[in-house]
Amino acid sequence: MTIFINNTGLNLYTGATVLDALRAYYRELQSDFPEKLPTILDSFGNEIETDGSLIHLQRLYTIDFEYNEKLFEND
């Protein structure tokens, strides 16, 4: 099945979880897997957990913790 994270297409096996998709995403970017996982959002802006199931052509988006912390820095 095909999943998109931040508009990067990934081919995953049926039954893959969000965490599996994140691993594939960072591997595709040739980047190290982060120690702190980013916030993961679905296409409706809902935060989803890493053990969540995926469906074909689902779109996910990530928000880095550094960016998240800067948003609330002035509170």
C-alpha atoms as a PDB file:
ATOM      1  CA  MET A   1       0.000   0.000   0.000  1.00  0.00           C
ATOM      2  CA  THR A   2       1.091   3.579  -0.568  1.00  0.00           C
ATOM      3  CA  ILE A   3       1.221   6.113   2.270  1.00  0.00           C
ATOM      4  CA  PHE A   4       2.292   9.752   2.112  1.00  0.00           C
ATOM      5  CA  ILE A   5       4.188  11.523   4.875  1.00  0.00           C
ATOM      6  CA  ASN A   6       4.775  15.222   4.227  1.00  0.00           C
ATOM      7  CA  ASN A   7       3.996  14.527   0.537  1.00  0.00           C
ATOM      8  CA  THR A   8       6.692  11.830   0.302  1.00  0.00           C
ATOM      9  CA  GLY A   9       5.230   8.619  -1.128  1.00  0.00           C
ATOM     10  CA  LEU A  10       6.127   5.378   0.661  1.00  0.00           C
ATOM     11  CA  ASN A  11       5.327   1.808  -0.339  1.00  0.00           C
ATOM     12  CA  LEU A  12       4.542  -0.236   2.776  1.00  0.00           C
ATOM     13  CA  TYR A  13       3.200  -3.691   3.465  1.00  0.00           C
ATOM     14  CA  THR A  14      -0.454  -4.176   4.367  1.00  0.00           C
ATOM     15  CA  GLY A  15      -0.857  -3.992   8.139  1.00  0.00           C
ATOM     16  CA  ALA A  16       1.955  -1.475   8.650  1.00  0.00           C
ATOM     17  CA  THR A  17       1.614   0.945  11.570  1.00  0.00           C
ATOM     18  CA  VAL A  18       2.335   4.655  11.774  1.00  0.00           C
ATOM     19  CA  LEU A  19       5.700   3.851  13.374  1.00  0.00           C
ATOM     20  CA  ASP A  20       6.588   1.605  10.415  1.00  0.00           C
ATOM     21  CA  ALA A  21       5.691   4.478   8.078  1.00  0.00           C
ATOM     22  CA  LEU A  22       7.871   6.899  10.071  1.00  0.00           C
ATOM     23  CA  ARG A  23      10.825   4.517   9.853  1.00  0.00           C
ATOM     24  CA  ALA A  24      10.363   4.236   6.088  1.00  0.00           C
ATOM     25  CA  TYR A  25      10.008   8.020   5.795  1.00  0.00           C
ATOM     26  CA  TYR A  26      13.297   8.771   7.566  1.00  0.00           C
ATOM     27  CA  ARG A  27      15.010   6.009   5.601  1.00  0.00           C
ATOM     28  CA  GLU A  28      13.710   7.588   2.367  1.00  0.00           C
ATOM     29  CA  LEU A  29      15.093  10.978   3.474  1.00  0.00           C
ATOM     30  CA  GLN A  30      18.382   9.265   4.371  1.00  0.00           C
ATOM     31  CA  SER A  31      18.080  10.859   7.792  1.00  0.00           C
ATOM     32  CA  ASP A  32      18.609   9.454  11.271  1.00  0.00           C
ATOM     33  CA  PHE A  33      15.493   8.408  13.142  1.00  0.00           C
ATOM     34  CA  PRO A  34      14.870  11.129  15.762  1.00  0.00           C
ATOM     35  CA  GLU A  35      15.210  10.412  19.472  1.00  0.00           C
ATOM     36  CA  LYS A  36      12.045  12.409  20.131  1.00  0.00           C
ATOM     37  CA  LEU A  37       9.289  11.456  17.741  1.00  0.00           C
ATOM     38  CA  PRO A  38       7.570  14.308  15.951  1.00  0.00           C
ATOM     39  CA  THR A  39       3.891  15.031  16.427  1.00  0.00           C
ATOM     40  CA  ILE A  40       2.017  13.102  13.741  1.00  0.00           C
ATOM     41  CA  LEU A  41      -1.157  14.483  12.209  1.00  0.00           C
ATOM     42  CA  ASP A  42      -3.634  12.988   9.768  1.00  0.00           C
ATOM     43  CA  SER A  43      -5.062  14.944   6.837  1.00  0.00           C
ATOM     44  CA  PHE A  44      -7.769  16.399   9.111  1.00  0.00           C
ATOM     45  CA  GLY A  45      -5.243  17.751  11.638  1.00  0.00           C
ATOM     46  CA  ASN A  46      -5.939  15.089  14.272  1.00  0.00           C
ATOM     47  CA  GLU A  47      -2.944  13.849  16.250  1.00  0.00           C
ATOM     48  CA  ILE A  48      -2.425  10.115  15.810  1.00  0.00           C
ATOM     49  CA  GLU A  49      -0.422   7.571  17.783  1.00  0.00           C
ATOM     50  CA  THR A  50       2.484   5.526  16.451  1.00  0.00           C
ATOM     51  CA  ASP A  51       0.639   2.219  16.910  1.00  0.00           C
ATOM     52  CA  GLY A  52      -2.258   3.348  14.707  1.00  0.00           C
ATOM     53  CA  SER A  53      -3.185   1.407  11.602  1.00  0.00           C
ATOM     54  CA  LEU A  54      -2.907   2.845   8.100  1.00  0.00           C
ATOM     55  CA  ILE A  55      -4.988   2.634   4.959  1.00  0.00           C
ATOM     56  CA  HIS A  56      -3.984   2.863   1.310  1.00  0.00           C
ATOM     57  CA  LEU A  57      -3.285   6.441   0.146  1.00  0.00           C
ATOM     58  CA  GLN A  58      -3.493   7.882   3.672  1.00  0.00           C
ATOM     59  CA  ARG A  59      -1.684  11.192   4.188  1.00  0.00           C
ATOM     60  CA  LEU A  60       0.227  12.013   7.356  1.00  0.00           C
ATOM     61  CA  TYR A  61       2.116  15.112   8.391  1.00  0.00           C
ATOM     62  CA  THR A  62       4.831  15.579  11.002  1.00  0.00           C
ATOM     63  CA  ILE A  63       5.647  18.537  13.233  1.00  0.00           C
ATOM     64  CA  ASP A  64       9.080  18.617  14.841  1.00  0.00           C
ATOM     65  CA  PHE A  65       9.297  19.146  18.591  1.00  0.00           C
ATOM     66  CA  GLU A  66      11.606  22.141  18.115  1.00  0.00           C
ATOM     67  CA  TYR A  67       8.932  23.884  16.067  1.00  0.00           C
ATOM     68  CA  ASN A  68       6.230  22.855  18.566  1.00  0.00           C
ATOM     69  CA  GLU A  69       8.178  24.257  21.512  1.00  0.00           C
ATOM     70  CA  LYS A  70       8.756  27.568  19.714  1.00  0.00           C
ATOM     71  CA  LEU A  71       5.023  27.954  19.154  1.00  0.00           C
ATOM     72  CA  PHE A  72       4.377  27.920  22.901  1.00  0.00           C
ATOM     73  CA  GLU A  73       7.537  29.712  23.977  1.00  0.00           C
ATOM     74  CA  ASN A  74       5.792  33.034  24.647  1.00  0.00           C
ATOM     75  CA  ASP A  75       2.951  31.572  26.764  1.00  0.00           C
END
